[in-house]
C-alpha atoms as a PDB file:
ATOM      1  CA  MET A   1      32.649 -23.877 -21.247  1.00  0.00           C
ATOM      2  CA  GLU A   2      31.328 -20.602 -19.834  1.00  0.00           C
ATOM      3  CA  HIS A   3      33.333 -17.470 -20.567  1.00  0.00           C
ATOM      4  CA  ARG A   4      33.666 -15.020 -17.716  1.00  0.00           C
ATOM      5  CA  ARG A   5      35.257 -11.603 -17.596  1.00  0.00           C
ATOM      6  CA  ALA A   6      37.366 -10.422 -14.712  1.00  0.00           C
ATOM      7  CA  PRO A   7      35.335  -8.322 -12.239  1.00  0.00           C
ATOM      8  CA  GLU A   8      37.378  -5.231 -13.084  1.00  0.00           C
ATOM      9  CA  SER A   9      36.443  -5.352 -16.769  1.00  0.00           C
ATOM     10  CA  LYS A  10      34.301  -2.419 -17.874  1.00  0.00           C
ATOM     11  CA  TYR A  11      31.502  -2.370 -20.420  1.00  0.00           C
ATOM     12  CA  VAL A  12      30.735   0.729 -22.410  1.00  0.00           C
ATOM     13  CA  VAL A  13      26.969   1.131 -22.690  1.00  0.00           C
ATOM     14  CA  GLU A  14      24.484   3.681 -23.949  1.00  0.00           C
ATOM     15  CA  ARG A  15      21.887   4.610 -21.356  1.00  0.00           C
ATOM     16  CA  VAL A  16      18.536   6.207 -22.122  1.00  0.00           C
ATOM     17  CA  GLN A  17      16.166   8.170 -19.936  1.00  0.00           C
ATOM     18  CA  THR A  18      12.898   6.366 -19.314  1.00  0.00           C
ATOM     19  CA  GLY A  19       9.623   7.305 -17.724  1.00  0.00           C
ATOM     20  CA  VAL A  20       8.729   4.061 -15.985  1.00  0.00           C
ATOM     21  CA  ARG A  21       5.676   4.051 -13.707  1.00  0.00           C
ATOM     22  CA  MET A  22       5.954   1.912 -10.590  1.00  0.00           C
ATOM     23  CA  GLU A  23       4.033   1.210  -7.390  1.00  0.00           C
ATOM     24  CA  LYS A  24       4.844   3.992  -4.929  1.00  0.00           C
ATOM     25  CA  ARG A  25       5.931   1.905  -1.919  1.00  0.00           C
ATOM     26  CA  LEU A  26       7.984  -0.420  -4.094  1.00  0.00           C
ATOM     27  CA  LEU A  27       9.835   2.580  -5.474  1.00  0.00           C
ATOM     28  CA  LYS A  28      10.506   3.866  -1.946  1.00  0.00           C
ATOM     29  CA  VAL A  29      12.063   0.530  -0.964  1.00  0.00           C
ATOM     30  CA  LEU A  30      14.198   0.469  -4.121  1.00  0.00           C
ATOM     31  CA  ARG A  31      15.390   4.052  -3.600  1.00  0.00           C
ATOM     32  CA  ALA A  32      16.284   3.333   0.023  1.00  0.00           C
ATOM     33  CA  LEU A  33      18.184   0.186  -0.977  1.00  0.00           C
ATOM     34  CA  ALA A  34      20.036   2.045  -3.728  1.00  0.00           C
ATOM     35  CA  ASP A  35      20.912   4.825  -1.287  1.00  0.00           C
ATOM     36  CA  TYR A  36      22.157   2.290   1.268  1.00  0.00           C
ATOM     37  CA  HIS A  37      24.537   0.857  -1.338  1.00  0.00           C
ATOM     38  CA  ASP A  38      25.484   4.321  -2.653  1.00  0.00           C
ATOM     39  CA  LEU A  39      24.062   3.462  -6.091  1.00  0.00           C
ATOM     40  CA  THR A  40      21.740   5.291  -8.398  1.00  0.00           C
ATOM     41  CA  LEU A  41      18.289   3.800  -8.756  1.00  0.00           C
ATOM     42  CA  GLY A  42      19.127   2.994 -12.387  1.00  0.00           C
ATOM     43  CA  ASP A  43      22.300   1.123 -11.415  1.00  0.00           C
ATOM     44  CA  LEU A  44      20.392  -0.913  -8.836  1.00  0.00           C
ATOM     45  CA  LEU A  45      17.639  -1.790 -11.322  1.00  0.00           C
ATOM     46  CA  GLU A  46      20.177  -2.760 -13.992  1.00  0.00           C
ATOM     47  CA  GLY A  47      21.856  -5.104 -11.525  1.00  0.00           C
ATOM     48  CA  ILE A  48      18.566  -6.670 -10.449  1.00  0.00           C
ATOM     49  CA  VAL A  49      17.441  -7.224 -14.042  1.00  0.00           C
ATOM     50  CA  LEU A  50      20.779  -8.642 -15.210  1.00  0.00           C
ATOM     51  CA  HIS A  51      20.721 -11.137 -12.318  1.00  0.00           C
ATOM     52  CA  ALA A  52      17.094 -12.039 -13.070  1.00  0.00           C
ATOM     53  CA  PHE A  53      17.907 -12.596 -16.750  1.00  0.00           C
ATOM     54  CA  ASP A  54      20.560 -15.105 -15.630  1.00  0.00           C
ATOM     55  CA  GLY A  55      18.098 -16.786 -13.267  1.00  0.00           C
ATOM     56  CA  LYS A  56      20.040 -15.647 -10.200  1.00  0.00           C
ATOM     57  CA  CYS A  57      18.935 -13.880  -7.042  1.00  0.00           C
ATOM     58  CA  PRO A  58      20.591 -10.447  -6.947  1.00  0.00           C
ATOM     59  CA  PHE A  59      20.588 -10.293  -3.136  1.00  0.00           C
ATOM     60  CA  GLY A  60      22.343 -12.170  -0.382  1.00  0.00           C
ATOM     61  CA  ALA A  61      20.923 -12.923   3.055  1.00  0.00           C
ATOM     62  CA  ALA A  62      21.906  -9.563   4.565  1.00  0.00           C
ATOM     63  CA  ASN A  63      20.286  -7.607   1.732  1.00  0.00           C
ATOM     64  CA  LEU A  64      17.136  -9.725   1.870  1.00  0.00           C
ATOM     65  CA  LYS A  65      16.860  -8.900   5.588  1.00  0.00           C
ATOM     66  CA  ARG A  66      17.351  -5.192   4.826  1.00  0.00           C
ATOM     67  CA  ILE A  67      14.679  -5.382   2.113  1.00  0.00           C
ATOM     68  CA  LYS A  68      12.298  -7.074   4.563  1.00  0.00           C
ATOM     69  CA  ASP A  69      12.892  -4.257   7.056  1.00  0.00           C
ATOM     70  CA  LEU A  70      12.450  -1.561   4.380  1.00  0.00           C
ATOM     71  CA  LYS A  71       9.222  -3.190   3.168  1.00  0.00           C
ATOM     72  CA  GLN A  72       7.884  -3.103   6.715  1.00  0.00           C
ATOM     73  CA  PHE A  73       9.001   0.509   7.219  1.00  0.00           C
ATOM     74  CA  TYR A  74       7.325   1.689   4.005  1.00  0.00           C
ATOM     75  CA  GLY A  75       4.244  -0.514   4.429  1.00  0.00           C
ATOM     76  CA  LEU A  76       4.946  -2.578   1.316  1.00  0.00           C
ATOM     77  CA  ASP A  77       2.858  -5.725   1.689  1.00  0.00           C
ATOM     78  CA  LEU A  78       3.306  -6.956  -1.888  1.00  0.00           C
ATOM     79  CA  ASP A  79       5.383  -9.937  -2.949  1.00  0.00           C
ATOM     80  CA  SER A  80       5.964 -11.814  -6.191  1.00  0.00           C
ATOM     81  CA  ALA A  81       2.458 -13.316  -5.989  1.00  0.00           C
ATOM     82  CA  ALA A  82       1.096  -9.803  -6.633  1.00  0.00           C
ATOM     83  CA  SER A  83       2.936  -9.589  -9.936  1.00  0.00           C
ATOM     84  CA  HIS A  84       0.609  -9.077 -12.912  1.00  0.00           C
ATOM     85  CA  ARG A  85      -2.316  -8.428 -10.552  1.00  0.00           C
ATOM     86  CA  LEU A  86      -1.649  -4.781  -9.663  1.00  0.00           C
ATOM     87  CA  VAL A  87      -4.413  -2.383 -10.639  1.00  0.00           C
ATOM     88  CA  GLU A  88      -3.746   1.334 -10.626  1.00  0.00           C
ATOM     89  CA  VAL A  89      -6.125   3.583  -8.699  1.00  0.00           C
ATOM     90  CA  GLU A  90      -8.025   5.971 -10.932  1.00  0.00           C
ATOM     91  CA  ILE A  91      -7.776   9.621  -9.914  1.00  0.00           C
ATOM     92  CA  ASN A  92     -10.907  11.665 -10.481  1.00  0.00           C
ATOM     93  CA  ARG A  93      -9.800  14.475 -12.835  1.00  0.00           C
ATOM     94  CA  GLU A  94     -12.551  16.799 -11.565  1.00  0.00           C
ATOM     95  CA  HIS A  95     -11.282  16.358  -8.002  1.00  0.00           C
ATOM     96  CA  ARG A  96      -7.757  17.121  -9.157  1.00  0.00           C
ATOM     97  CA  LYS A  97      -8.901  20.368 -10.785  1.00  0.00           C
ATOM     98  CA  VAL A  98     -10.699  21.450  -7.622  1.00  0.00           C
ATOM     99  CA  SER A  99      -7.735  20.518  -5.442  1.00  0.00           C
ATOM    100  CA  SER A 100      -5.289  22.513  -7.578  1.00  0.00           C
ATOM    101  CA  LYS A 101      -7.254  25.757  -7.067  1.00  0.00           C
ATOM    102  CA  LYS A 102      -6.412  25.906  -3.345  1.00  0.00           C
END
């Protein structure tokens, strides 16, 4: 038998600040979605991860449509097939030094 808590139950947690690096357009879509739902980015990510850990999709049809629209707006052409295949662009440090002198 599965134990469930009432939706109004609260959980006291300890949150930590993290410096996670993420693909730029993906982050823009996540921020826009969090803003749409009046959530912090951290709250949205926690919800997504907790659903994923349970093997559940965190989004209903309306949210999936909104995500599709946001991906198009921000030019995000990645999907789950891109997972584990993303390669970060290398920034030429010399170019950065020159650019910062302007």
